[in-house]
Amino acid sequence: MHLKSPRLAVRAIIVSDNRLLMVNAYPEGQSDLICAPGGGVEMGASLPDNLRREVHEETGLEIEVGDPCLVNEFHDPALGFHQVDVYFRCQLTGSDRIDPLWEDVDKIVTQRHWLTPDQLAKRRYKPDSLIEVAFGEDGISYDPLELLVR
């Protein structure tokens, strides 16, 4: 069996007014799962440059990328899929207002939500440690291999 290398992705922890920015994880309502904005890394660009690009593509927002705060892995053994996400604490460089007509260039992200910890706790999200990482102490965390869910 040929093993593929894990996919590398970057994600943004953006907190404004005690609300975390979350986006839908699958296009066209395939799932109610939400996650932090971000996506796959393109070769030849730094992780922060990739993250700035992804956040802008998905939300129209501009950010300053700070320190890493979480490394999360997830996989689907049946599909042979394995992804490593590196999360960074980010700050907005402008308003937190997202144009309701903004369209993701890849047409994956169609919903954007600013959620308080209590609101987020009532939703399905990944990774499991997200609330603690986003609203807890500074530092870096590691979430080992979670199963991919839809």
C-alpha atoms as a PDB file:
ATOM      1  CA  MET A   1       0.000   0.000   0.000  1.00  0.00           C
ATOM      2  CA  HIS A   2       1.327   3.415  -0.976  1.00  0.00           C
ATOM      3  CA  LEU A   3       1.146   5.883   1.909  1.00  0.00           C
ATOM      4  CA  LYS A   4       0.595   9.548   1.070  1.00  0.00           C
ATOM      5  CA  SER A   5       2.235  12.318   3.039  1.00  0.00           C
ATOM      6  CA  PRO A   6      -0.045  14.233   5.396  1.00  0.00           C
ATOM      7  CA  ARG A   7      -1.614  17.417   4.039  1.00  0.00           C
ATOM      8  CA  LEU A   8      -0.394  20.573   5.806  1.00  0.00           C
ATOM      9  CA  ALA A   9      -2.871  23.340   6.591  1.00  0.00           C
ATOM     10  CA  VAL A  10      -2.911  26.563   8.611  1.00  0.00           C
ATOM     11  CA  ARG A  11      -5.794  27.974  10.647  1.00  0.00           C
ATOM     12  CA  ALA A  12      -6.445  31.301  12.385  1.00  0.00           C
ATOM     13  CA  ILE A  13      -7.579  31.873  15.953  1.00  0.00           C
ATOM     14  CA  ILE A  14      -9.165  35.314  15.643  1.00  0.00           C
ATOM     15  CA  VAL A  15     -10.938  36.611  18.751  1.00  0.00           C
ATOM     16  CA  SER A  16     -12.763  39.952  18.707  1.00  0.00           C
ATOM     17  CA  ASP A  17     -14.984  41.170  21.580  1.00  0.00           C
ATOM     18  CA  ASN A  18     -14.762  37.709  23.213  1.00  0.00           C
ATOM     19  CA  ARG A  19     -16.046  36.077  20.007  1.00  0.00           C
ATOM     20  CA  LEU A  20     -14.141  33.547  17.896  1.00  0.00           C
ATOM     21  CA  LEU A  21     -14.418  33.605  14.104  1.00  0.00           C
ATOM     22  CA  MET A  22     -15.644  30.273  12.739  1.00  0.00           C
ATOM     23  CA  VAL A  23     -16.567  29.120   9.234  1.00  0.00           C
ATOM     24  CA  ASN A  24     -18.384  26.135   7.754  1.00  0.00           C
ATOM     25  CA  ALA A  25     -16.087  23.174   7.157  1.00  0.00           C
ATOM     26  CA  TYR A  26     -17.822  21.669   4.108  1.00  0.00           C
ATOM     27  CA  PRO A  27     -19.437  23.290   1.036  1.00  0.00           C
ATOM     28  CA  GLU A  28     -23.114  23.361   0.130  1.00  0.00           C
ATOM     29  CA  GLY A  29     -24.456  22.395   3.560  1.00  0.00           C
ATOM     30  CA  GLN A  30     -22.874  18.918   3.465  1.00  0.00           C
ATOM     31  CA  SER A  31     -22.335  19.199   7.225  1.00  0.00           C
ATOM     32  CA  ASP A  32     -23.089  21.528  10.130  1.00  0.00           C
ATOM     33  CA  LEU A  33     -19.475  21.183  11.336  1.00  0.00           C
ATOM     34  CA  ILE A  34     -17.620  24.478  11.778  1.00  0.00           C
ATOM     35  CA  CYS A  35     -13.914  25.249  12.127  1.00  0.00           C
ATOM     36  CA  ALA A  36     -11.481  28.146  12.298  1.00  0.00           C
ATOM     37  CA  PRO A  37     -10.755  29.820   8.945  1.00  0.00           C
ATOM     38  CA  GLY A  38      -7.743  28.629   6.988  1.00  0.00           C
ATOM     39  CA  GLY A  39      -6.722  25.917   4.619  1.00  0.00           C
ATOM     40  CA  GLY A  40      -4.046  24.108   2.698  1.00  0.00           C
ATOM     41  CA  VAL A  41      -0.515  25.408   2.420  1.00  0.00           C
ATOM     42  CA  GLU A  42       0.886  26.291  -0.982  1.00  0.00           C
ATOM     43  CA  MET A  43       4.551  25.514  -1.552  1.00  0.00           C
ATOM     44  CA  GLY A  44       6.923  28.458  -1.735  1.00  0.00           C
ATOM     45  CA  ALA A  45       4.982  30.647   0.706  1.00  0.00           C
ATOM     46  CA  SER A  46       5.509  30.859   4.453  1.00  0.00           C
ATOM     47  CA  LEU A  47       2.874  29.536   6.853  1.00  0.00           C
ATOM     48  CA  PRO A  48       1.868  33.117   7.871  1.00  0.00           C
ATOM     49  CA  ASP A  49       1.630  34.193   4.208  1.00  0.00           C
ATOM     50  CA  ASN A  50      -0.545  31.164   3.459  1.00  0.00           C
ATOM     51  CA  LEU A  51      -2.758  31.961   6.441  1.00  0.00           C
ATOM     52  CA  ARG A  52      -3.217  35.620   5.470  1.00  0.00           C
ATOM     53  CA  ARG A  53      -4.226  34.481   1.972  1.00  0.00           C
ATOM     54  CA  GLU A  54      -6.657  31.823   3.239  1.00  0.00           C
ATOM     55  CA  VAL A  55      -8.374  34.112   5.755  1.00  0.00           C
ATOM     56  CA  HIS A  56      -8.787  36.827   3.142  1.00  0.00           C
ATOM     57  CA  GLU A  57     -10.133  34.373   0.538  1.00  0.00           C
ATOM     58  CA  GLU A  58     -12.673  32.914   2.981  1.00  0.00           C
ATOM     59  CA  THR A  59     -13.763  36.067   4.838  1.00  0.00           C
ATOM     60  CA  GLY A  60     -12.408  39.208   3.174  1.00  0.00           C
ATOM     61  CA  LEU A  61     -10.682  40.112   6.451  1.00  0.00           C
ATOM     62  CA  GLU A  62      -7.062  41.209   6.811  1.00  0.00           C
ATOM     63  CA  ILE A  63      -4.987  39.818   9.680  1.00  0.00           C
ATOM     64  CA  GLU A  64      -1.633  39.997  11.378  1.00  0.00           C
ATOM     65  CA  VAL A  65      -0.378  36.496  12.162  1.00  0.00           C
ATOM     66  CA  GLY A  66       1.023  35.917  15.644  1.00  0.00           C
ATOM     67  CA  ASP A  67       2.452  32.905  17.423  1.00  0.00           C
ATOM     68  CA  PRO A  68       1.448  29.284  16.876  1.00  0.00           C
ATOM     69  CA  CYS A  69      -0.959  28.058  19.556  1.00  0.00           C
ATOM     70  CA  LEU A  70      -2.094  24.577  18.486  1.00  0.00           C
ATOM     71  CA  VAL A  71      -1.011  21.683  16.329  1.00  0.00           C
ATOM     72  CA  ASN A  72      -3.911  19.373  15.489  1.00  0.00           C
ATOM     73  CA  GLU A  73      -3.961  16.186  13.430  1.00  0.00           C
ATOM     74  CA  PHE A  74      -6.990  14.475  12.002  1.00  0.00           C
ATOM     75  CA  HIS A  75      -7.436  11.538   9.694  1.00  0.00           C
ATOM     76  CA  ASP A  76      -9.841   9.254   7.901  1.00  0.00           C
ATOM     77  CA  PRO A  77      -8.234   5.789   7.799  1.00  0.00           C
ATOM     78  CA  ALA A  78     -10.799   4.512   5.288  1.00  0.00           C
ATOM     79  CA  LEU A  79      -9.798   7.207   2.784  1.00  0.00           C
ATOM     80  CA  GLY A  80      -6.096   7.258   3.664  1.00  0.00           C
ATOM     81  CA  PHE A  81      -6.450  10.959   4.544  1.00  0.00           C
ATOM     82  CA  HIS A  82      -4.259  12.621   7.175  1.00  0.00           C
ATOM     83  CA  GLN A  83      -4.025  16.380   7.766  1.00  0.00           C
ATOM     84  CA  VAL A  84      -1.883  18.411  10.138  1.00  0.00           C
ATOM     85  CA  ASP A  85      -3.271  21.841  11.032  1.00  0.00           C
ATOM     86  CA  VAL A  86      -1.055  24.520  12.573  1.00  0.00           C
ATOM     87  CA  TYR A  87      -3.153  27.167  14.355  1.00  0.00           C
ATOM     88  CA  PHE A  88      -1.868  30.710  14.898  1.00  0.00           C
ATOM     89  CA  ARG A  89      -3.177  33.478  17.149  1.00  0.00           C
ATOM     90  CA  CYS A  90      -4.113  36.332  14.827  1.00  0.00           C
ATOM     91  CA  GLN A  91      -5.188  39.941  15.156  1.00  0.00           C
ATOM     92  CA  LEU A  92      -7.438  41.829  12.774  1.00  0.00           C
ATOM     93  CA  THR A  93      -5.779  44.780  11.076  1.00  0.00           C
ATOM     94  CA  GLY A  94      -9.151  46.399  10.361  1.00  0.00           C
ATOM     95  CA  SER A  95     -12.818  45.936  11.172  1.00  0.00           C
ATOM     96  CA  ASP A  96     -14.334  42.585  12.187  1.00  0.00           C
ATOM     97  CA  ARG A  97     -17.288  43.251   9.872  1.00  0.00           C
ATOM     98  CA  ILE A  98     -17.609  40.620   7.158  1.00  0.00           C
ATOM     99  CA  ASP A  99     -19.398  41.657   3.978  1.00  0.00           C
ATOM    100  CA  PRO A 100     -22.456  39.349   3.768  1.00  0.00           C
ATOM    101  CA  LEU A 101     -21.958  39.182  -0.023  1.00  0.00           C
ATOM    102  CA  TRP A 102     -18.321  38.035   0.264  1.00  0.00           C
ATOM    103  CA  GLU A 103     -17.654  34.870  -1.732  1.00  0.00           C
ATOM    104  CA  ASP A 104     -14.888  32.384  -1.026  1.00  0.00           C
ATOM    105  CA  VAL A 105     -12.809  31.940  -4.191  1.00  0.00           C
ATOM    106  CA  ASP A 106     -12.968  28.145  -3.719  1.00  0.00           C
ATOM    107  CA  LYS A 107     -16.737  28.207  -2.983  1.00  0.00           C
ATOM    108  CA  ILE A 108     -16.235  26.091   0.164  1.00  0.00           C
ATOM    109  CA  VAL A 109     -16.831  28.661   2.895  1.00  0.00           C
ATOM    110  CA  THR A 110     -20.368  30.013   2.664  1.00  0.00           C
ATOM    111  CA  GLN A 111     -21.010  30.744   6.366  1.00  0.00           C
ATOM    112  CA  ARG A 112     -19.048  32.880   8.777  1.00  0.00           C
ATOM    113  CA  HIS A 113     -19.892  33.198  12.482  1.00  0.00           C
ATOM    114  CA  TRP A 114     -18.513  35.279  15.344  1.00  0.00           C
ATOM    115  CA  LEU A 115     -19.259  33.073  18.384  1.00  0.00           C
ATOM    116  CA  THR A 116     -18.811  33.518  22.123  1.00  0.00           C
ATOM    117  CA  PRO A 117     -17.530  30.512  24.090  1.00  0.00           C
ATOM    118  CA  ASP A 118     -21.116  29.686  25.182  1.00  0.00           C
ATOM    119  CA  GLN A 119     -22.437  29.890  21.616  1.00  0.00           C
ATOM    120  CA  LEU A 120     -19.567  27.779  20.295  1.00  0.00           C
ATOM    121  CA  ALA A 121     -20.154  25.127  22.962  1.00  0.00           C
ATOM    122  CA  LYS A 122     -23.651  24.551  21.512  1.00  0.00           C
ATOM    123  CA  ARG A 123     -22.325  23.892  17.983  1.00  0.00           C
ATOM    124  CA  ARG A 124     -20.432  21.025  16.319  1.00  0.00           C
ATOM    125  CA  TYR A 125     -16.836  22.139  15.799  1.00  0.00           C
ATOM    126  CA  LYS A 126     -13.336  20.740  15.451  1.00  0.00           C
ATOM    127  CA  PRO A 127     -10.831  20.355  16.947  1.00  0.00           C
ATOM    128  CA  ASP A 128     -12.149  19.365  20.351  1.00  0.00           C
ATOM    129  CA  SER A 129      -9.700  21.648  22.188  1.00  0.00           C
ATOM    130  CA  LEU A 130     -10.679  24.805  20.267  1.00  0.00           C
ATOM    131  CA  ILE A 131     -12.567  26.635  23.042  1.00  0.00           C
ATOM    132  CA  GLU A 132      -9.756  26.045  25.527  1.00  0.00           C
ATOM    133  CA  VAL A 133      -7.085  27.172  23.062  1.00  0.00           C
ATOM    134  CA  ALA A 134      -8.978  30.242  21.808  1.00  0.00           C
ATOM    135  CA  PHE A 135     -10.214  31.562  25.150  1.00  0.00           C
ATOM    136  CA  GLY A 136      -7.708  30.020  27.594  1.00  0.00           C
ATOM    137  CA  GLU A 137      -4.127  30.622  28.520  1.00  0.00           C
ATOM    138  CA  ASP A 138      -1.465  31.502  25.973  1.00  0.00           C
ATOM    139  CA  GLY A 139       0.944  28.772  25.002  1.00  0.00           C
ATOM    140  CA  ILE A 140       0.930  25.939  22.533  1.00  0.00           C
ATOM    141  CA  SER A 141      -1.167  22.778  22.610  1.00  0.00           C
ATOM    142  CA  TYR A 142      -1.100  19.520  20.700  1.00  0.00           C
ATOM    143  CA  ASP A 143      -4.197  17.523  19.756  1.00  0.00           C
ATOM    144  CA  PRO A 144      -3.161  14.057  18.557  1.00  0.00           C
ATOM    145  CA  LEU A 145      -4.865  12.220  15.746  1.00  0.00           C
ATOM    146  CA  GLU A 146      -8.632  12.893  15.794  1.00  0.00           C
ATOM    147  CA  LEU A 147     -10.972  11.021  13.499  1.00  0.00           C
ATOM    148  CA  LEU A 148     -12.314  13.115  10.645  1.00  0.00           C
ATOM    149  CA  VAL A 149     -16.039  13.814  11.085  1.00  0.00           C
ATOM    150  CA  ARG A 150     -18.656  15.242   8.756  1.00  0.00           C
END
